[in-house]
Structure formats: C-alpha cells, structure tokens
C-alpha cells in the first residue's frame, strides 16, 4: 500500500474581469497566505458556493442544469497536464492594477 495518495485534478484556464481594487486585494491576500492568486480565487469561490444555502438548493433544481455558460474558458494547450490537488504556494507576479485575471479552477 502506498504511503502517499496524490489526487489528480483537471484544471482549466478561464478569463475573468475584476475591478482594480479587487485584483489588488486578490494579490494582497495571495501574498498574505503565501499562495497564488489562482488558489485564492479558487478557494474563495469554493467557500462561497458551499456556504450559500440558497445556491445549494438551486443546484438541486432542473434550472441549474440548463444554464447558459458565460465563463470564458481558454482552450487547453497541447502540453497541459493534470496537476495534483495540493500545490506548493507560489507568489503572484501580477501587477496590482490588473483588471483582467487568469483563473485556474477545478471542473467537476
């Protein structure tokens, strides 16, 4: 039996637009917890989705399955590979006035 179990997660790249102040705070929070901006956005959204009871009820409805996707997902590059679910923290190098952010999120 192996001593370690690595859970593989498929990551996608998507483009979102943020206000200057939100982008700055994402970078600041990433520096604060010594993680990447992608990790901050991923974990923040995951937290909100699980805590919002009304949203959890919506997910059980047929309407949740019939949504029109609006997230701009980038096509994967040829050499994109699956990454482990636990990643080493990295510092963000994005400028604080950035208004468009690149976000990697897990897709269920």
N, C-alpha and C. Protein backbone atom coordinates (compact mmCIF):
# COMPACT_ATOMS: atom_id res chain seq x y z
N UNK A 1 0.86 -1.19 0.00
CA UNK A 1 0.00 0.00 0.00
C UNK A 1 0.90 1.23 0.00
N UNK A 2 0.66 2.20 -0.90
CA UNK A 2 1.50 3.39 -0.95
C UNK A 2 1.29 4.26 0.30
N UNK A 3 2.33 4.96 0.69
CA UNK A 3 2.26 5.85 1.84
C UNK A 3 1.60 7.18 1.48
N UNK A 4 1.68 7.58 0.22
CA UNK A 4 1.08 8.83 -0.23
C UNK A 4 0.00 8.58 -1.26
N UNK A 5 -1.02 9.39 -1.21
CA UNK A 5 -2.07 9.33 -2.22
C UNK A 5 -2.16 10.72 -2.87
N UNK A 6 -1.91 10.78 -4.16
CA UNK A 6 -1.98 12.04 -4.89
C UNK A 6 -3.28 12.05 -5.67
N UNK A 7 -4.12 13.03 -5.39
CA UNK A 7 -5.39 13.16 -6.07
C UNK A 7 -5.18 14.07 -7.28
N UNK A 8 -5.46 13.56 -8.46
CA UNK A 8 -5.30 14.32 -9.69
C UNK A 8 -6.56 15.16 -9.92
N UNK A 9 -6.35 16.42 -10.27
CA UNK A 9 -7.44 17.34 -10.54
C UNK A 9 -7.24 17.95 -11.91
N UNK A 10 -8.29 17.98 -12.69
CA UNK A 10 -8.21 18.60 -14.01
C UNK A 10 -8.45 20.10 -13.85
N UNK A 11 -7.49 20.88 -14.27
CA UNK A 11 -7.61 22.34 -14.18
C UNK A 11 -7.93 22.91 -15.55
N UNK A 12 -8.72 23.96 -15.54
CA UNK A 12 -9.00 24.69 -16.77
C UNK A 12 -8.52 26.12 -16.56
N UNK A 13 -8.30 26.83 -17.65
CA UNK A 13 -7.98 28.25 -17.58
C UNK A 13 -9.16 29.04 -18.09
N UNK A 14 -9.49 30.09 -17.36
CA UNK A 14 -10.61 30.93 -17.75
C UNK A 14 -10.21 32.38 -17.55
N UNK A 15 -10.84 33.25 -18.28
CA UNK A 15 -10.56 34.67 -18.18
C UNK A 15 -11.73 35.36 -17.52
N UNK A 16 -11.43 36.15 -16.48
CA UNK A 16 -12.47 36.93 -15.80
C UNK A 16 -12.00 38.37 -15.70
N UNK A 17 -12.95 39.27 -15.52
CA UNK A 17 -12.61 40.68 -15.34
C UNK A 17 -12.92 41.07 -13.91
N UNK A 18 -11.97 41.80 -13.29
CA UNK A 18 -12.12 42.27 -11.92
C UNK A 18 -11.88 43.77 -11.88
N UNK A 19 -12.43 44.41 -10.87
CA UNK A 19 -12.10 45.82 -10.67
C UNK A 19 -10.65 45.90 -10.20
N UNK A 20 -10.06 47.08 -10.35
CA UNK A 20 -8.69 47.28 -9.89
C UNK A 20 -8.54 46.92 -8.41
N UNK A 21 -9.48 47.37 -7.60
CA UNK A 21 -9.36 47.15 -6.16
C UNK A 21 -9.48 45.66 -5.81
N UNK A 22 -10.36 44.94 -6.49
CA UNK A 22 -10.49 43.51 -6.23
C UNK A 22 -9.24 42.76 -6.66
N UNK A 23 -8.70 43.09 -7.82
CA UNK A 23 -7.47 42.45 -8.29
C UNK A 23 -6.32 42.70 -7.31
N UNK A 24 -6.24 43.92 -6.80
CA UNK A 24 -5.21 44.25 -5.82
C UNK A 24 -5.38 43.42 -4.56
N UNK A 25 -6.62 43.30 -4.09
CA UNK A 25 -6.88 42.53 -2.87
C UNK A 25 -6.61 41.05 -3.07
N UNK A 26 -6.89 40.52 -4.25
CA UNK A 26 -6.56 39.12 -4.53
C UNK A 26 -5.05 38.92 -4.41
N UNK A 27 -4.28 39.81 -5.02
CA UNK A 27 -2.83 39.72 -4.94
C UNK A 27 -2.34 39.88 -3.50
N UNK A 28 -2.95 40.81 -2.77
CA UNK A 28 -2.54 41.02 -1.38
C UNK A 28 -2.87 39.81 -0.52
N UNK A 29 -4.04 39.23 -0.74
CA UNK A 29 -4.42 38.05 0.04
C UNK A 29 -3.52 36.87 -0.31
N UNK A 30 -3.18 36.74 -1.58
CA UNK A 30 -2.27 35.68 -2.00
C UNK A 30 -0.92 35.83 -1.30
N UNK A 31 -0.41 37.05 -1.23
CA UNK A 31 0.85 37.29 -0.53
C UNK A 31 0.70 37.00 0.96
N UNK A 32 -0.43 37.38 1.53
CA UNK A 32 -0.72 37.16 2.94
C UNK A 32 -0.69 35.68 3.32
N UNK A 33 -1.27 34.83 2.47
CA UNK A 33 -1.31 33.39 2.78
C UNK A 33 -0.23 32.60 2.05
N UNK A 34 0.64 33.31 1.34
CA UNK A 34 1.74 32.70 0.59
C UNK A 34 1.21 31.63 -0.39
N UNK A 35 0.28 32.07 -1.21
CA UNK A 35 -0.32 31.20 -2.22
C UNK A 35 -0.40 31.98 -3.53
N UNK A 36 -0.88 31.33 -4.56
CA UNK A 36 -1.04 32.02 -5.84
C UNK A 36 -2.41 32.71 -5.88
N UNK A 37 -2.52 33.69 -6.76
CA UNK A 37 -3.80 34.37 -6.96
C UNK A 37 -4.86 33.37 -7.43
N UNK A 38 -4.46 32.41 -8.26
CA UNK A 38 -5.39 31.37 -8.72
C UNK A 38 -5.96 30.59 -7.53
N UNK A 39 -5.09 30.24 -6.59
CA UNK A 39 -5.54 29.49 -5.41
C UNK A 39 -6.51 30.31 -4.57
N UNK A 40 -6.25 31.61 -4.43
CA UNK A 40 -7.14 32.48 -3.66
C UNK A 40 -8.53 32.51 -4.29
N UNK A 41 -8.59 32.72 -5.59
CA UNK A 41 -9.88 32.79 -6.28
C UNK A 41 -10.59 31.44 -6.20
N UNK A 42 -9.87 30.36 -6.46
CA UNK A 42 -10.45 29.01 -6.40
C UNK A 42 -11.06 28.73 -5.02
N UNK A 43 -10.29 28.97 -3.98
CA UNK A 43 -10.75 28.67 -2.63
C UNK A 43 -11.86 29.62 -2.17
N UNK A 44 -11.78 30.89 -2.55
CA UNK A 44 -12.83 31.84 -2.18
C UNK A 44 -14.16 31.46 -2.81
N UNK A 45 -14.13 31.12 -4.09
CA UNK A 45 -15.37 30.73 -4.77
C UNK A 45 -15.91 29.43 -4.20
N UNK A 46 -15.04 28.48 -3.96
CA UNK A 46 -15.47 27.21 -3.38
C UNK A 46 -16.13 27.43 -2.02
N UNK A 47 -15.55 28.31 -1.22
CA UNK A 47 -16.10 28.63 0.10
C UNK A 47 -17.50 29.24 -0.03
N UNK A 48 -17.65 30.22 -0.92
CA UNK A 48 -18.95 30.87 -1.10
C UNK A 48 -19.98 29.87 -1.60
N UNK A 49 -19.61 29.05 -2.57
CA UNK A 49 -20.56 28.08 -3.13
C UNK A 49 -21.06 27.11 -2.07
N UNK A 50 -20.17 26.65 -1.20
CA UNK A 50 -20.59 25.67 -0.18
C UNK A 50 -21.38 26.32 0.96
N UNK A 51 -21.14 27.59 1.25
CA UNK A 51 -21.82 28.27 2.36
C UNK A 51 -23.16 28.87 1.99
N UNK A 52 -23.41 29.11 0.71
CA UNK A 52 -24.66 29.74 0.27
C UNK A 52 -25.76 28.69 0.18
N UNK A 53 -26.64 28.68 1.15
CA UNK A 53 -27.70 27.67 1.21
C UNK A 53 -28.68 27.79 0.04
N UNK A 54 -29.01 29.02 -0.33
CA UNK A 54 -29.91 29.20 -1.47
C UNK A 54 -29.29 28.65 -2.76
N UNK A 55 -27.99 28.86 -2.93
CA UNK A 55 -27.31 28.34 -4.11
C UNK A 55 -27.30 26.81 -4.09
N UNK A 56 -27.09 26.22 -2.93
CA UNK A 56 -27.09 24.76 -2.82
C UNK A 56 -28.46 24.19 -3.20
N UNK A 57 -29.52 24.89 -2.83
CA UNK A 57 -30.87 24.47 -3.22
C UNK A 57 -31.06 24.63 -4.72
N UNK A 58 -30.57 25.74 -5.29
CA UNK A 58 -30.65 25.96 -6.73
C UNK A 58 -29.96 24.83 -7.49
N UNK A 59 -28.81 24.37 -6.99
CA UNK A 59 -28.08 23.29 -7.67
C UNK A 59 -28.90 22.00 -7.77
N UNK A 60 -29.85 21.83 -6.89
CA UNK A 60 -30.70 20.64 -6.91
C UNK A 60 -31.86 20.77 -7.91
N UNK A 61 -32.07 21.96 -8.42
CA UNK A 61 -33.19 22.20 -9.33
C UNK A 61 -32.79 21.90 -10.78
N UNK A 62 -33.78 21.64 -11.63
CA UNK A 62 -33.50 21.42 -13.06
C UNK A 62 -32.90 22.67 -13.73
N UNK A 63 -33.23 23.86 -13.19
CA UNK A 63 -32.69 25.10 -13.76
C UNK A 63 -31.17 25.14 -13.72
N UNK A 64 -30.58 24.52 -12.72
CA UNK A 64 -29.12 24.54 -12.59
C UNK A 64 -28.44 23.78 -13.72
N UNK A 65 -29.13 22.82 -14.29
CA UNK A 65 -28.56 22.02 -15.38
C UNK A 65 -28.77 22.67 -16.74
N UNK A 66 -29.61 23.69 -16.80
CA UNK A 66 -29.93 24.34 -18.07
C UNK A 66 -29.47 25.79 -18.12
N UNK A 67 -28.27 26.05 -17.68
CA UNK A 67 -27.75 27.41 -17.68
C UNK A 67 -26.99 27.69 -18.97
N UNK A 68 -26.91 28.95 -19.32
CA UNK A 68 -26.11 29.35 -20.47
C UNK A 68 -24.72 29.73 -19.93
N UNK A 69 -23.67 28.99 -20.28
CA UNK A 69 -22.34 29.31 -19.77
C UNK A 69 -21.87 30.69 -20.22
N UNK A 70 -21.33 31.46 -19.28
CA UNK A 70 -20.81 32.79 -19.59
C UNK A 70 -19.32 32.91 -19.25
N UNK A 71 -18.76 31.93 -18.57
CA UNK A 71 -17.34 31.96 -18.24
C UNK A 71 -16.53 31.69 -19.49
N UNK A 72 -15.54 32.55 -19.75
CA UNK A 72 -14.72 32.40 -20.95
C UNK A 72 -13.59 31.43 -20.65
N UNK A 73 -13.77 30.18 -21.08
CA UNK A 73 -12.79 29.13 -20.84
C UNK A 73 -11.81 29.09 -22.00
N UNK A 74 -10.54 29.09 -21.67
CA UNK A 74 -9.49 29.03 -22.69
C UNK A 74 -9.28 27.59 -23.11
N UNK A 75 -9.02 27.40 -24.37
CA UNK A 75 -8.73 26.05 -24.88
C UNK A 75 -7.39 25.61 -24.32
N UNK A 76 -7.28 24.35 -23.87
CA UNK A 76 -6.03 23.88 -23.28
C UNK A 76 -4.92 23.79 -24.31
N UNK A 77 -3.71 24.08 -23.87
CA UNK A 77 -2.53 23.93 -24.73
C UNK A 77 -2.23 22.44 -24.87
N UNK A 78 -1.48 22.11 -25.87
CA UNK A 78 -1.15 20.71 -26.16
C UNK A 78 -0.42 20.06 -24.99
N UNK A 79 0.44 20.81 -24.32
CA UNK A 79 1.24 20.23 -23.24
C UNK A 79 0.62 20.40 -21.86
N UNK A 80 -0.65 20.84 -21.76
CA UNK A 80 -1.30 20.94 -20.45
C UNK A 80 -1.45 19.56 -19.84
N UNK A 81 -1.12 19.45 -18.58
CA UNK A 81 -1.23 18.18 -17.87
C UNK A 81 -2.07 18.36 -16.63
N UNK A 82 -2.53 17.26 -16.10
CA UNK A 82 -3.29 17.28 -14.86
C UNK A 82 -2.34 17.56 -13.72
N UNK A 83 -2.77 18.42 -12.78
CA UNK A 83 -1.94 18.77 -11.64
C UNK A 83 -2.50 18.13 -10.38
N UNK A 84 -1.63 17.86 -9.39
CA UNK A 84 -2.12 17.34 -8.11
C UNK A 84 -3.03 18.37 -7.44
N UNK A 85 -3.96 17.90 -6.63
CA UNK A 85 -4.91 18.78 -5.97
C UNK A 85 -4.21 19.71 -4.99
N UNK A 86 -3.14 19.27 -4.37
CA UNK A 86 -2.39 20.11 -3.44
C UNK A 86 -1.17 20.64 -4.17
N UNK A 87 -1.10 21.96 -4.29
CA UNK A 87 0.02 22.58 -4.99
C UNK A 87 0.86 23.36 -3.99
N UNK A 88 2.14 23.51 -4.31
CA UNK A 88 3.02 24.33 -3.48
C UNK A 88 2.66 25.79 -3.65
N UNK A 89 2.66 26.58 -2.57
CA UNK A 89 2.35 28.00 -2.68
C UNK A 89 3.38 28.72 -3.55
N UNK A 90 2.87 29.66 -4.35
CA UNK A 90 3.75 30.49 -5.16
C UNK A 90 3.32 31.93 -4.98
N UNK A 91 4.21 32.85 -5.18
CA UNK A 91 3.83 34.25 -5.07
C UNK A 91 3.32 34.73 -6.41
N UNK A 92 2.39 35.65 -6.38
CA UNK A 92 1.81 36.19 -7.60
C UNK A 92 2.70 37.29 -8.14
N UNK A 93 2.83 37.33 -9.46
CA UNK A 93 3.64 38.38 -10.08
C UNK A 93 2.78 39.34 -10.88
N UNK A 94 1.47 39.26 -10.71
CA UNK A 94 0.57 40.13 -11.46
C UNK A 94 0.67 41.55 -10.93
N UNK A 95 0.61 42.55 -11.82
CA UNK A 95 0.63 43.94 -11.34
C UNK A 95 -0.66 44.25 -10.60
N UNK A 96 -0.61 45.08 -9.57
CA UNK A 96 -1.79 45.34 -8.75
C UNK A 96 -2.90 46.08 -9.47
N UNK A 97 -2.63 46.72 -10.62
CA UNK A 97 -3.68 47.45 -11.33
C UNK A 97 -4.32 46.61 -12.42
N UNK A 98 -4.04 45.34 -12.43
CA UNK A 98 -4.58 44.45 -13.46
C UNK A 98 -6.10 44.36 -13.32
N UNK A 99 -6.81 44.46 -14.44
CA UNK A 99 -8.27 44.38 -14.40
C UNK A 99 -8.79 43.08 -15.00
N UNK A 100 -7.97 42.33 -15.67
CA UNK A 100 -8.35 41.02 -16.18
C UNK A 100 -7.43 40.00 -15.56
N UNK A 101 -8.00 38.96 -14.99
CA UNK A 101 -7.18 37.97 -14.30
C UNK A 101 -7.36 36.62 -14.95
N UNK A 102 -6.34 35.82 -14.88
CA UNK A 102 -6.42 34.45 -15.36
C UNK A 102 -6.66 33.57 -14.15
N UNK A 103 -7.63 32.69 -14.26
CA UNK A 103 -8.02 31.88 -13.14
C UNK A 103 -8.01 30.42 -13.53
N UNK A 104 -7.38 29.61 -12.72
CA UNK A 104 -7.42 28.17 -12.92
C UNK A 104 -8.37 27.60 -11.88
N UNK A 105 -9.34 26.86 -12.30
CA UNK A 105 -10.28 26.27 -11.37
C UNK A 105 -10.51 24.82 -11.69
N UNK A 106 -10.94 24.06 -10.70
CA UNK A 106 -11.20 22.66 -10.97
C UNK A 106 -12.58 22.53 -11.57
N UNK A 107 -12.72 21.61 -12.46
CA UNK A 107 -14.01 21.38 -13.13
C UNK A 107 -14.49 20.01 -12.69
N UNK A 108 -15.69 19.98 -12.18
CA UNK A 108 -16.24 18.72 -11.65
C UNK A 108 -16.64 17.80 -12.76
